[in-house]
N, C-alpha and C. Protein backbone atom coordinates (compact mmCIF):
# COMPACT_ATOMS: atom_id res chain seq x y z
N MET A 1 51.92 -4.14 1.87
CA MET A 1 52.74 -3.26 2.90
C MET A 1 53.39 -2.25 2.29
N ARG A 2 53.83 -1.19 2.60
CA ARG A 2 55.10 -0.02 2.27
C ARG A 2 55.46 0.87 3.63
N LEU A 3 56.22 0.76 3.86
CA LEU A 3 56.90 1.90 5.28
C LEU A 3 57.49 2.94 4.80
N GLU A 4 56.81 4.09 4.90
CA GLU A 4 57.38 5.48 4.14
C GLU A 4 57.76 6.45 5.58
N ALA A 5 59.20 6.28 5.54
CA ALA A 5 59.70 7.42 6.83
C ALA A 5 60.16 8.90 6.29
N GLU A 6 59.72 10.09 6.03
CA GLU A 6 59.45 11.26 5.79
C GLU A 6 60.10 12.16 6.35
N SER A 7 60.99 12.71 6.12
CA SER A 7 62.08 13.64 6.91
C SER A 7 61.52 13.81 8.52
N LEU A 8 62.21 12.82 8.92
CA LEU A 8 62.22 12.60 10.14
C LEU A 8 63.33 13.45 10.85
N SER A 9 63.40 14.04 11.85
CA SER A 9 64.17 13.90 12.67
C SER A 9 64.35 13.99 14.24
N ALA A 10 65.57 13.95 15.34
CA ALA A 10 65.20 13.56 16.70
C ALA A 10 66.51 14.58 17.34
N ARG A 11 66.02 14.87 18.54
CA ARG A 11 66.98 15.90 19.27
C ARG A 11 67.74 14.47 21.01
N ARG A 12 68.68 15.13 20.96
CA ARG A 12 69.42 14.78 22.18
C ARG A 12 69.43 15.38 23.10
N GLY A 13 68.54 15.99 24.18
CA GLY A 13 69.06 16.76 25.02
C GLY A 13 68.30 18.17 24.39
N GLU A 14 68.82 19.26 24.28
CA GLU A 14 69.09 20.38 23.51
C GLU A 14 69.25 20.51 21.86
N ASP A 15 69.94 19.72 21.44
CA ASP A 15 70.82 18.96 20.19
C ASP A 15 70.44 18.27 19.43
N LEU A 16 69.86 18.52 17.87
CA LEU A 16 69.55 18.16 17.20
C LEU A 16 70.42 16.90 16.09
N ILE A 17 70.08 15.89 16.59
CA ILE A 17 71.13 14.10 16.22
C ILE A 17 70.84 14.05 15.16
N PHE A 18 69.96 14.23 14.71
CA PHE A 18 69.53 13.65 12.92
C PHE A 18 68.44 14.86 12.49
N VAL A 19 68.33 14.54 11.17
CA VAL A 19 67.23 15.86 10.31
C VAL A 19 67.37 15.21 8.88
N ASN A 20 65.94 15.18 8.42
CA ASN A 20 65.80 14.92 7.78
C ASN A 20 66.10 13.42 6.74
N VAL A 21 65.47 12.23 7.82
CA VAL A 21 65.98 11.45 7.22
C VAL A 21 65.04 10.68 6.44
N SER A 22 65.01 10.14 5.11
CA SER A 22 63.71 9.72 4.77
C SER A 22 64.09 8.35 4.38
N PHE A 23 63.20 6.92 3.87
CA PHE A 23 63.26 5.78 3.29
C PHE A 23 61.75 5.40 2.89
N THR A 24 62.04 4.61 1.95
CA THR A 24 60.68 3.80 1.92
C THR A 24 61.18 2.09 1.27
N LEU A 25 60.22 1.22 2.48
CA LEU A 25 60.55 -0.02 2.30
C LEU A 25 59.49 -0.90 1.59
N ALA A 26 59.19 -1.82 0.57
CA ALA A 26 58.52 -2.60 0.61
C ALA A 26 58.32 -4.11 1.20
N SER A 27 57.31 -4.90 0.95
CA SER A 27 57.21 -5.96 1.60
C SER A 27 58.56 -6.44 0.83
N GLY A 28 59.34 -7.21 2.19
CA GLY A 28 60.63 -8.31 1.59
C GLY A 28 61.59 -7.24 1.79
N ASP A 29 61.94 -6.01 2.00
CA ASP A 29 62.05 -5.04 2.13
C ASP A 29 63.36 -5.10 3.75
N ALA A 30 64.44 -4.68 3.32
CA ALA A 30 65.52 -4.74 4.29
C ALA A 30 66.40 -3.39 4.58
N LEU A 31 66.17 -2.57 5.87
CA LEU A 31 67.12 -1.76 5.60
C LEU A 31 68.23 -1.78 6.80
N VAL A 32 69.79 -1.76 6.77
CA VAL A 32 70.90 -1.60 7.61
C VAL A 32 71.14 0.08 7.76
N LEU A 33 70.86 0.36 9.05
CA LEU A 33 71.49 1.25 9.74
C LEU A 33 73.20 1.17 9.93
N THR A 34 74.21 2.27 9.45
CA THR A 34 75.59 2.24 10.34
C THR A 34 75.63 3.37 10.45
N GLY A 35 76.94 3.30 10.93
CA GLY A 35 77.56 4.64 11.86
C GLY A 35 78.29 4.57 13.49
N ARG A 36 79.18 5.60 13.66
CA ARG A 36 79.77 5.36 14.74
C ARG A 36 78.90 5.06 16.08
N ASN A 37 79.13 4.66 17.12
CA ASN A 37 77.99 4.86 18.06
C ASN A 37 78.01 6.04 18.58
N GLY A 38 76.71 6.40 18.87
CA GLY A 38 75.95 8.00 19.31
C GLY A 38 75.70 8.58 18.16
N SER A 39 75.53 8.32 16.89
CA SER A 39 75.36 8.47 15.59
C SER A 39 73.97 8.75 15.46
N GLY A 40 72.98 8.01 16.46
CA GLY A 40 71.69 8.21 16.48
C GLY A 40 70.85 7.05 15.40
N LYS A 41 71.66 5.74 15.24
CA LYS A 41 70.75 4.28 15.06
C LYS A 41 70.12 4.47 16.12
N SER A 42 70.39 3.88 17.05
CA SER A 42 69.62 3.56 17.88
C SER A 42 68.40 4.24 18.42
N THR A 43 68.86 5.88 18.31
CA THR A 43 67.54 6.89 18.37
C THR A 43 66.18 6.58 16.87
N LEU A 44 66.93 6.63 15.96
CA LEU A 44 65.86 6.11 14.60
C LEU A 44 65.16 5.46 14.87
N LEU A 45 65.70 4.14 15.53
CA LEU A 45 65.16 2.83 15.50
C LEU A 45 64.14 3.38 16.26
N ARG A 46 64.50 3.44 17.44
CA ARG A 46 62.97 3.97 18.64
C ARG A 46 61.58 4.70 17.98
N VAL A 47 62.85 5.88 16.88
CA VAL A 47 61.31 6.75 16.77
C VAL A 47 60.32 6.22 15.55
N VAL A 48 61.06 5.22 14.83
CA VAL A 48 60.36 4.59 13.96
C VAL A 48 59.23 3.42 14.67
N ALA A 49 59.85 2.52 15.93
CA ALA A 49 58.93 1.99 16.04
C ALA A 49 57.94 2.44 17.23
N GLY A 50 57.53 3.96 17.08
CA GLY A 50 57.08 4.84 18.15
C GLY A 50 57.08 5.05 19.20
N LEU A 51 58.33 4.52 19.86
CA LEU A 51 58.72 4.77 21.47
C LEU A 51 59.24 6.02 21.93
N LEU A 52 59.60 6.89 20.92
CA LEU A 52 60.19 8.11 20.92
C LEU A 52 59.51 9.13 19.80
N ARG A 53 59.29 10.38 20.36
CA ARG A 53 58.30 11.19 19.58
C ARG A 53 59.54 11.90 18.17
N PRO A 54 59.52 11.88 17.56
CA PRO A 54 60.39 12.52 16.00
C PRO A 54 60.08 13.76 16.33
N GLU A 55 61.31 14.80 16.18
CA GLU A 55 61.48 16.21 16.38
C GLU A 55 59.88 16.68 15.31
N THR A 56 60.57 15.98 13.81
CA THR A 56 59.54 16.34 13.13
C THR A 56 59.53 15.24 11.97
N GLY A 57 58.71 15.55 11.08
CA GLY A 57 58.47 13.96 9.96
C GLY A 57 57.48 13.40 10.55
N SER A 58 57.49 12.01 9.96
CA SER A 58 56.65 11.10 10.02
C SER A 58 57.09 9.31 9.76
N ALA A 59 57.19 8.26 10.40
CA ALA A 59 57.10 6.83 9.86
C ALA A 59 55.46 6.11 9.63
N ILE A 60 55.22 5.77 8.69
CA ILE A 60 53.59 5.60 8.65
C ILE A 60 53.51 4.47 7.63
N CYS A 61 52.82 3.52 7.61
CA CYS A 61 52.59 2.46 6.52
C CYS A 61 51.23 2.34 5.90
N LEU A 62 50.98 2.06 4.87
CA LEU A 62 50.39 1.78 3.94
C LEU A 62 50.01 0.09 3.58
N SER A 63 48.98 0.29 3.69
CA SER A 63 48.60 -1.64 3.38
C SER A 63 47.25 -1.59 2.20
N ASP A 64 47.30 -2.50 1.74
CA ASP A 64 45.85 -3.33 1.09
C ASP A 64 44.80 -3.44 1.90
N MET A 65 45.25 -3.31 3.00
CA MET A 65 44.49 -3.74 4.27
C MET A 65 43.53 -2.38 4.99
N ASP A 66 44.24 -1.64 5.09
CA ASP A 66 43.57 -0.35 5.37
C ASP A 66 43.63 1.27 4.40
N ALA A 67 42.68 1.37 4.35
CA ALA A 67 42.57 2.91 3.92
C ALA A 67 43.07 3.79 3.93
N GLU A 68 43.37 4.32 5.03
CA GLU A 68 44.38 5.18 5.13
C GLU A 68 45.35 4.74 5.81
N ALA A 69 46.40 5.32 5.95
CA ALA A 69 48.03 5.24 6.34
C ALA A 69 47.53 5.74 7.80
N ARG A 70 48.76 4.95 8.54
CA ARG A 70 48.83 4.36 10.04
C ARG A 70 50.06 4.34 10.80
N PRO A 71 50.64 4.77 11.68
CA PRO A 71 51.81 4.82 12.87
C PRO A 71 52.33 3.37 11.88
N ALA A 72 54.12 3.49 11.95
CA ALA A 72 54.64 2.02 11.40
C ALA A 72 54.73 1.83 13.22
N GLY A 73 54.48 2.15 14.19
CA GLY A 73 54.93 1.74 15.47
C GLY A 73 53.64 0.69 15.37
N GLU A 74 52.88 0.84 14.83
CA GLU A 74 51.41 0.03 15.51
C GLU A 74 51.82 -1.28 14.14
N PHE A 75 53.05 -1.16 13.56
CA PHE A 75 53.50 -2.85 12.76
C PHE A 75 53.96 -3.65 13.00
N SER A 76 54.61 -2.86 13.86
CA SER A 76 56.29 -2.91 14.23
C SER A 76 56.44 -3.87 15.77
N HIS A 77 57.47 -5.07 15.51
CA HIS A 77 58.12 -5.40 17.06
C HIS A 77 59.05 -4.70 16.71
N TYR A 78 60.11 -4.15 18.26
CA TYR A 78 61.01 -3.75 18.33
C TYR A 78 61.69 -4.64 19.81
N LEU A 79 63.13 -4.71 19.22
CA LEU A 79 63.92 -5.78 19.85
C LEU A 79 65.09 -5.02 19.94
N GLY A 80 65.05 -4.45 21.30
CA GLY A 80 66.71 -3.18 21.29
C GLY A 80 67.56 -4.31 22.33
N HIS A 81 68.06 -3.55 23.53
CA HIS A 81 68.91 -4.21 23.98
C HIS A 81 68.31 -5.04 24.77
N ARG A 82 67.52 -4.58 25.78
CA ARG A 82 66.98 -5.29 26.86
C ARG A 82 65.72 -6.24 26.53
N ASN A 83 65.49 -7.43 26.72
CA ASN A 83 65.34 -8.63 26.21
C ASN A 83 63.42 -8.19 26.23
N GLY A 84 62.91 -7.37 27.67
CA GLY A 84 61.41 -7.31 27.52
C GLY A 84 60.97 -8.50 27.91
N MET A 85 61.40 -8.89 29.29
CA MET A 85 60.81 -10.21 29.73
C MET A 85 60.66 -9.75 31.31
N LYS A 86 60.38 -10.15 31.87
CA LYS A 86 60.11 -10.49 33.75
C LYS A 86 60.94 -12.23 34.13
N ARG A 87 62.23 -11.63 34.84
CA ARG A 87 62.98 -12.71 35.37
C ARG A 87 62.22 -13.56 36.07
N GLU A 88 61.01 -13.11 37.26
CA GLU A 88 60.22 -14.09 38.11
C GLU A 88 59.15 -15.00 37.17
N LEU A 89 59.04 -14.63 35.98
CA LEU A 89 58.20 -15.04 35.21
C LEU A 89 58.74 -16.83 34.76
N THR A 90 57.79 -17.75 34.22
CA THR A 90 58.32 -18.52 33.30
C THR A 90 58.86 -18.04 31.78
N VAL A 91 59.17 -18.86 31.45
CA VAL A 91 59.01 -18.39 30.03
C VAL A 91 57.96 -18.51 29.09
N ALA A 92 57.44 -19.25 29.50
CA ALA A 92 55.88 -19.60 28.89
C ALA A 92 55.10 -18.50 29.00
N GLU A 93 54.76 -18.08 30.06
CA GLU A 93 54.28 -16.98 31.13
C GLU A 93 54.59 -15.55 31.00
N ASN A 94 56.09 -15.40 30.36
CA ASN A 94 56.32 -14.33 29.33
C ASN A 94 55.57 -14.33 27.76
N LEU A 95 56.37 -15.31 27.45
CA LEU A 95 55.79 -15.01 25.82
C LEU A 95 54.23 -15.18 25.93
N ALA A 96 53.18 -15.71 26.95
CA ALA A 96 52.02 -15.89 26.28
C ALA A 96 51.37 -14.22 26.68
N PHE A 97 51.78 -13.39 27.47
CA PHE A 97 51.77 -11.90 27.62
C PHE A 97 51.61 -11.60 27.12
N TRP A 98 52.91 -11.64 25.81
CA TRP A 98 53.35 -10.89 24.94
C TRP A 98 52.32 -11.33 23.47
N LYS A 99 52.16 -12.42 23.74
CA LYS A 99 50.80 -12.85 22.58
C LYS A 99 49.43 -11.98 22.74
N SER A 100 49.39 -12.56 23.97
CA SER A 100 47.61 -11.73 24.68
C SER A 100 47.93 -10.70 24.22
N TYR A 101 48.96 -9.53 24.36
CA TYR A 101 48.91 -8.04 24.73
C TYR A 101 49.07 -7.47 22.99
N LEU A 102 49.50 -7.95 22.63
CA LEU A 102 50.04 -7.73 21.08
C LEU A 102 48.90 -8.12 20.16
N GLY A 103 49.09 -9.67 20.46
CA GLY A 103 47.84 -10.04 19.42
C GLY A 103 48.83 -10.03 17.79
N ASP A 104 47.74 -10.46 16.76
CA ASP A 104 47.97 -10.68 15.35
C ASP A 104 47.91 -9.60 14.43
N ILE A 105 48.34 -9.03 13.95
CA ILE A 105 48.00 -7.92 12.59
C ILE A 105 47.12 -8.73 11.76
N GLU A 106 46.16 -8.68 11.17
CA GLU A 106 45.63 -8.89 10.10
C GLU A 106 46.56 -9.32 8.89
N GLY A 107 46.23 -10.50 8.49
CA GLY A 107 47.47 -10.45 6.96
C GLY A 107 48.40 -11.60 7.59
N GLY A 108 48.34 -11.83 9.00
CA GLY A 108 50.06 -12.75 8.85
C GLY A 108 49.45 -13.74 10.57
N GLN A 109 50.28 -14.88 10.49
CA GLN A 109 49.64 -15.82 11.83
C GLN A 109 51.02 -15.77 12.37
N SER A 110 50.76 -15.68 13.52
CA SER A 110 52.29 -16.26 14.79
C SER A 110 52.22 -17.50 14.79
N LEU A 111 53.47 -17.88 16.03
CA LEU A 111 53.47 -19.51 16.08
C LEU A 111 52.84 -19.55 17.80
N ASP A 112 52.73 -20.80 18.13
CA ASP A 112 52.32 -20.60 19.41
C ASP A 112 53.80 -21.08 20.16
N ILE A 113 53.11 -20.99 21.22
CA ILE A 113 54.44 -20.66 22.82
C ILE A 113 56.01 -22.02 22.22
N GLU A 114 55.57 -23.14 22.23
CA GLU A 114 56.36 -23.97 21.70
C GLU A 114 56.84 -23.91 20.22
N GLU A 115 55.86 -23.68 19.48
CA GLU A 115 56.54 -23.80 18.12
C GLU A 115 57.65 -22.53 18.46
N ALA A 116 57.32 -21.34 18.72
CA ALA A 116 58.46 -19.90 18.92
C ALA A 116 59.86 -20.76 19.63
N ALA A 117 59.55 -21.33 20.66
CA ALA A 117 60.66 -22.08 21.67
C ALA A 117 61.34 -23.01 20.85
N ASP A 118 60.99 -23.77 19.88
CA ASP A 118 61.53 -24.64 18.61
C ASP A 118 62.04 -23.80 17.51
N ALA A 119 61.44 -23.16 17.37
CA ALA A 119 61.80 -21.85 16.42
C ALA A 119 63.39 -21.05 16.74
N VAL A 120 63.79 -21.11 17.78
CA VAL A 120 64.59 -20.32 18.43
C VAL A 120 65.54 -21.60 19.17
N GLU A 121 65.70 -22.74 18.69
CA GLU A 121 65.95 -24.21 19.64
C GLU A 121 66.26 -24.39 20.87
N LEU A 122 65.59 -23.34 22.22
CA LEU A 122 65.30 -24.29 22.87
C LEU A 122 64.00 -24.85 23.45
N SER A 123 63.43 -25.60 22.62
CA SER A 123 62.09 -25.98 23.20
C SER A 123 62.14 -26.93 24.66
N GLY A 124 61.48 -27.33 25.11
CA GLY A 124 61.26 -28.54 26.38
C GLY A 124 61.40 -27.09 27.60
N ILE A 125 62.14 -26.39 27.49
CA ILE A 125 62.52 -25.46 28.87
C ILE A 125 61.57 -24.59 29.47
N THR A 126 60.72 -24.11 28.37
CA THR A 126 59.63 -22.89 28.21
C THR A 126 58.74 -22.97 29.78
N HIS A 127 58.89 -23.95 30.71
CA HIS A 127 58.53 -23.92 32.05
C HIS A 127 59.51 -23.72 33.09
N LEU A 128 60.53 -23.23 33.10
CA LEU A 128 61.66 -22.68 33.81
C LEU A 128 61.36 -21.05 33.81
N PRO A 129 61.54 -20.43 35.27
CA PRO A 129 61.92 -19.28 35.53
C PRO A 129 62.99 -18.81 34.38
N TYR A 130 62.25 -17.42 34.14
CA TYR A 130 63.21 -16.84 32.85
C TYR A 130 64.75 -16.30 33.61
N GLY A 131 64.35 -16.28 34.71
CA GLY A 131 65.45 -15.19 35.61
C GLY A 131 66.46 -16.70 35.53
N TYR A 132 66.45 -18.04 35.68
CA TYR A 132 67.16 -19.50 35.92
C TYR A 132 67.84 -19.50 34.58
N LEU A 133 67.80 -18.80 33.47
CA LEU A 133 68.29 -19.09 32.57
C LEU A 133 69.85 -18.36 31.73
N SER A 134 70.37 -19.18 30.99
CA SER A 134 71.50 -18.18 30.77
C SER A 134 71.73 -16.94 29.93
N ALA A 135 72.69 -15.92 30.32
CA ALA A 135 71.89 -14.97 29.28
C ALA A 135 72.06 -14.95 27.72
N GLY A 136 72.16 -16.38 26.84
CA GLY A 136 72.69 -16.64 25.53
C GLY A 136 71.16 -17.19 25.21
N GLN A 137 70.32 -18.15 26.76
CA GLN A 137 69.04 -19.03 26.42
C GLN A 137 68.07 -17.43 26.16
N GLN A 138 68.10 -16.53 27.32
CA GLN A 138 67.42 -15.12 27.79
C GLN A 138 67.28 -14.39 26.55
N ARG A 139 67.91 -14.29 25.40
CA ARG A 139 68.35 -13.52 23.96
C ARG A 139 67.69 -13.99 23.46
N ARG A 140 67.61 -15.67 23.19
CA ARG A 140 66.88 -16.50 22.38
C ARG A 140 65.54 -16.47 22.42
N PHE A 141 65.01 -16.48 24.05
CA PHE A 141 63.77 -16.22 23.97
C PHE A 141 63.53 -15.00 23.70
N ALA A 142 64.04 -13.56 24.30
CA ALA A 142 64.03 -12.58 23.82
C ALA A 142 63.47 -12.65 22.09
N MET A 143 64.01 -13.37 21.35
CA MET A 143 63.94 -12.88 19.79
C MET A 143 62.38 -14.20 19.59
N ALA A 144 61.78 -14.93 21.05
CA ALA A 144 61.19 -15.60 20.41
C ALA A 144 59.53 -14.57 20.64
N ARG A 145 59.97 -13.66 20.99
CA ARG A 145 58.73 -12.84 21.35
C ARG A 145 58.33 -12.07 19.73
N LEU A 146 59.25 -12.01 18.84
CA LEU A 146 59.14 -11.70 17.09
C LEU A 146 57.75 -12.77 16.97
N LEU A 147 57.93 -14.02 17.30
CA LEU A 147 57.17 -15.02 16.32
C LEU A 147 55.59 -15.38 17.14
N VAL A 148 55.18 -14.82 18.45
CA VAL A 148 54.25 -15.38 19.02
C VAL A 148 53.20 -14.11 18.46
N ALA A 149 53.71 -13.36 18.15
CA ALA A 149 52.40 -12.09 17.74
C ALA A 149 52.88 -11.48 16.70
N TYR A 150 52.18 -11.69 15.17
CA TYR A 150 52.53 -11.17 14.06
C TYR A 150 52.81 -9.74 14.06
N ARG A 151 53.74 -9.15 13.94
CA ARG A 151 53.82 -8.32 13.21
C ARG A 151 55.04 -7.96 11.97
N PRO A 152 54.59 -7.32 10.60
CA PRO A 152 55.50 -7.43 9.27
C PRO A 152 56.57 -6.20 9.73
N ILE A 153 56.96 -5.14 10.23
CA ILE A 153 58.35 -4.87 10.35
C ILE A 153 58.79 -5.49 11.74
N TRP A 154 60.15 -6.13 11.41
CA TRP A 154 60.47 -6.22 12.67
C TRP A 154 61.94 -4.99 13.04
N ILE A 155 61.98 -4.07 13.92
CA ILE A 155 62.97 -3.35 14.39
C ILE A 155 63.93 -3.56 15.50
N LEU A 156 65.30 -4.22 14.97
CA LEU A 156 66.17 -5.18 15.46
C LEU A 156 67.27 -3.80 15.73
N ASP A 157 67.60 -3.47 16.78
CA ASP A 157 68.69 -3.36 17.53
C ASP A 157 70.06 -3.93 17.80
N GLU A 158 71.14 -4.39 17.06
CA GLU A 158 72.02 -5.51 17.47
C GLU A 158 71.07 -6.51 18.10
N PRO A 159 70.63 -7.08 17.60
CA PRO A 159 69.99 -8.36 17.96
C PRO A 159 70.91 -9.45 18.74
N THR A 160 71.59 -9.84 18.33
CA THR A 160 72.66 -10.82 18.48
C THR A 160 74.16 -10.61 18.97
N ALA A 161 74.00 -9.38 19.55
CA ALA A 161 75.34 -8.91 20.18
C ALA A 161 75.57 -10.06 21.38
N ALA A 162 76.73 -10.32 21.07
CA ALA A 162 77.19 -11.07 22.41
C ALA A 162 76.84 -12.27 22.39
N LEU A 163 76.76 -13.01 21.42
CA LEU A 163 75.95 -14.63 20.83
C LEU A 163 76.74 -15.56 20.46
N ASP A 164 76.64 -16.32 20.15
CA ASP A 164 77.56 -17.15 19.50
C ASP A 164 77.27 -17.28 18.28
N ARG A 165 78.13 -18.38 17.17
CA ARG A 165 77.91 -18.34 15.42
C ARG A 165 76.56 -19.01 15.42
N ARG A 166 76.14 -19.94 16.69
CA ARG A 166 75.27 -21.20 16.51
C ARG A 166 73.62 -19.77 16.25
N ALA A 167 73.85 -19.16 17.22
CA ALA A 167 72.62 -18.05 17.76
C ALA A 167 72.45 -17.16 16.41
N ASP A 168 73.96 -16.74 15.84
CA ASP A 168 73.55 -15.75 14.75
C ASP A 168 73.25 -16.76 13.49
N ALA A 169 73.96 -17.71 13.72
CA ALA A 169 72.68 -18.42 12.48
C ALA A 169 71.22 -18.57 12.72
N MET A 170 70.57 -19.29 13.70
CA MET A 170 69.33 -19.07 13.99
C MET A 170 68.37 -18.03 13.48
N PHE A 171 68.85 -17.04 13.80
CA PHE A 171 68.56 -15.68 14.01
C PHE A 171 68.59 -15.39 12.41
N GLU A 172 69.45 -15.58 11.77
CA GLU A 172 69.65 -14.75 9.95
C GLU A 172 68.93 -16.09 10.07
N ASP A 173 68.68 -16.95 10.19
CA ASP A 173 67.05 -17.92 9.36
C ASP A 173 65.89 -17.25 9.69
N LEU A 174 65.74 -16.55 10.59
CA LEU A 174 64.70 -16.11 11.66
C LEU A 174 64.19 -14.95 10.37
N VAL A 175 65.03 -14.06 10.26
CA VAL A 175 64.86 -12.87 9.54
C VAL A 175 64.56 -13.35 7.83
N LYS A 176 65.59 -13.88 7.37
CA LYS A 176 65.25 -14.70 6.19
C LYS A 176 63.63 -15.41 5.48
N GLY A 177 63.50 -15.88 6.61
CA GLY A 177 62.08 -16.53 6.30
C GLY A 177 60.77 -15.37 6.58
N HIS A 178 60.98 -14.06 7.27
CA HIS A 178 60.32 -13.15 7.94
C HIS A 178 60.31 -12.07 6.64
N ARG A 179 61.50 -11.93 6.18
CA ARG A 179 61.59 -11.48 4.92
C ARG A 179 60.78 -11.73 3.58
N GLU A 180 60.66 -13.45 3.47
CA GLU A 180 60.40 -14.54 2.65
C GLU A 180 58.95 -14.07 2.39
N ALA A 181 58.27 -14.02 3.60
CA ALA A 181 56.77 -14.37 3.75
C ALA A 181 56.32 -12.47 3.36
N GLY A 182 57.25 -11.43 3.40
CA GLY A 182 56.72 -10.04 3.31
C GLY A 182 56.96 -9.18 4.14
N GLY A 183 57.69 -9.56 5.26
CA GLY A 183 57.94 -8.86 6.43
C GLY A 183 59.41 -8.00 5.79
N ILE A 184 58.93 -6.90 6.68
CA ILE A 184 60.39 -5.89 6.30
C ILE A 184 60.97 -5.84 7.93
N VAL A 185 62.32 -5.35 7.41
CA VAL A 185 63.20 -5.12 8.92
C VAL A 185 64.28 -4.38 8.74
N ILE A 186 63.89 -3.34 9.42
CA ILE A 186 64.93 -2.53 9.98
C ILE A 186 66.34 -2.86 11.14
N ALA A 187 67.51 -2.70 10.96
CA ALA A 187 68.43 -3.42 11.74
C ALA A 187 69.14 -1.94 12.08
N ALA A 188 70.05 -2.16 13.48
CA ALA A 188 71.24 -1.71 13.29
C ALA A 188 72.28 -2.51 13.80
N THR A 189 73.00 -3.24 13.02
CA THR A 189 73.44 -4.91 13.24
C THR A 189 75.58 -4.54 12.49
N HIS A 190 75.97 -5.36 12.70
CA HIS A 190 77.19 -5.94 12.58
C HIS A 190 77.77 -7.03 12.07
N GLN A 191 76.38 -7.91 11.65
CA GLN A 191 76.03 -9.16 11.24
C GLN A 191 75.59 -9.33 9.89
N PRO A 192 75.33 -10.33 9.29
CA PRO A 192 74.49 -10.46 8.01
C PRO A 192 73.30 -10.48 8.26
N LEU A 193 72.68 -11.34 9.38
CA LEU A 193 71.40 -11.52 9.58
C LEU A 193 70.44 -11.40 8.91
N GLY A 194 70.39 -12.57 7.75
CA GLY A 194 69.43 -12.36 6.25
C GLY A 194 69.61 -11.10 5.67
N MET A 195 70.30 -10.21 5.52
CA MET A 195 69.97 -8.93 5.22
C MET A 195 70.61 -8.61 3.93
N GLU A 196 70.80 -9.58 2.83
CA GLU A 196 71.35 -9.75 1.60
C GLU A 196 70.22 -8.62 0.65
N GLY A 197 70.86 -7.97 0.22
CA GLY A 197 70.51 -7.25 -1.03
C GLY A 197 69.49 -6.02 -0.34
N ALA A 198 69.97 -5.63 0.99
CA ALA A 198 69.04 -4.34 2.01
C ALA A 198 69.96 -3.52 1.59
N GLN A 199 69.24 -2.26 1.73
CA GLN A 199 69.34 -0.60 1.45
C GLN A 199 70.31 -0.47 2.94
N THR A 200 70.95 0.73 2.50
CA THR A 200 71.80 0.99 4.09
C THR A 200 71.68 2.67 4.31
N LEU A 201 71.88 2.90 5.45
CA LEU A 201 71.71 4.42 5.47
C LEU A 201 72.87 4.47 6.67
N GLU A 202 73.75 5.48 6.27
CA GLU A 202 74.72 5.92 7.26
C GLU A 202 74.33 6.82 8.11
N MET A 203 74.24 7.00 9.47
CA MET A 203 73.79 7.90 10.42
C MET A 203 75.26 8.37 10.62
N LEU A 204 74.91 9.91 10.91
CA LEU A 204 76.43 10.86 10.49
C LEU A 204 76.51 11.47 12.36
N GLY A 205 75.20 11.35 13.27
CA GLY A 205 75.10 11.80 14.24
C GLY A 205 75.10 13.37 14.47
N PHE A 206 75.82 14.54 15.53
CA PHE A 206 75.54 15.91 15.16
C PHE A 206 76.38 16.10 14.03
N ASP A 207 77.62 15.64 13.43
CA ASP A 207 78.18 16.12 12.63
C ASP A 207 77.28 15.89 11.19
N GLY A 208 76.12 15.50 11.00
CA GLY A 208 75.36 15.34 9.78
C GLY A 208 74.35 16.19 9.87
N VAL A 209 73.96 17.15 11.28
CA VAL A 209 72.69 17.84 10.66
C VAL A 209 72.36 18.67 10.26
N ASP A 210 73.26 18.83 9.26
CA ASP A 210 72.84 19.87 7.76
C ASP A 210 72.51 18.38 7.01
N THR A 211 72.85 17.59 6.71
CA THR A 211 72.68 16.36 5.60
C THR A 211 71.27 16.07 5.45
N GLU A 212 70.68 15.90 4.20
CA GLU A 212 69.79 14.82 4.29
C GLU A 212 70.03 13.40 3.89
N TYR A 213 69.05 12.50 4.45
CA TYR A 213 69.51 11.30 4.47
C TYR A 213 68.51 11.00 3.64
N SER A 214 68.95 9.80 3.17
CA SER A 214 67.75 8.76 2.15
C SER A 214 68.58 7.71 2.07
N ALA A 215 67.46 6.51 1.70
CA ALA A 215 67.66 4.88 1.65
C ALA A 215 66.88 4.94 -0.05
């Protein structure tokens, strides 16, 4: 698996927020985005995930299982600031939806719902309505979405913000395991999160629109 981003640019309103962002990641690699608030980190993550259309450039994946390149978003999980779970449904119902909706990309295998709950250290409560849980528990089960449907690329936007050290350590283990199994991780984060040896890319925002970015 190889992820190639080439000459990406994106707008915020009428203005370009970044231009000429390029990087290449192979199986097991990671990329950490740095930069001040508003510099375009979240926007870049959403572009790679296929949630925003780039102004220019492309983010594609190449794998041994496909003769042609495909959009990176087809191979990606995106975990942003929102959890992507319905409060009125149980945890199990939420995770079952994502498992069925996304399915597994060829070449990997997901966990079942209870295995995923155990992996985020919250086994035994998947029968509860999601809205009944604490904010920390809700975030952990949002992380479990990454485990119930296999995607080789994890795109993470401050995934452990406002969580405690135990949650940080748990998620760090998940990220390490994903990379050791050949997965790719792109993250905007101030925490280590299993990103040892990662490439870095500093986003400069509007001040860097004449800059060519590469990692």
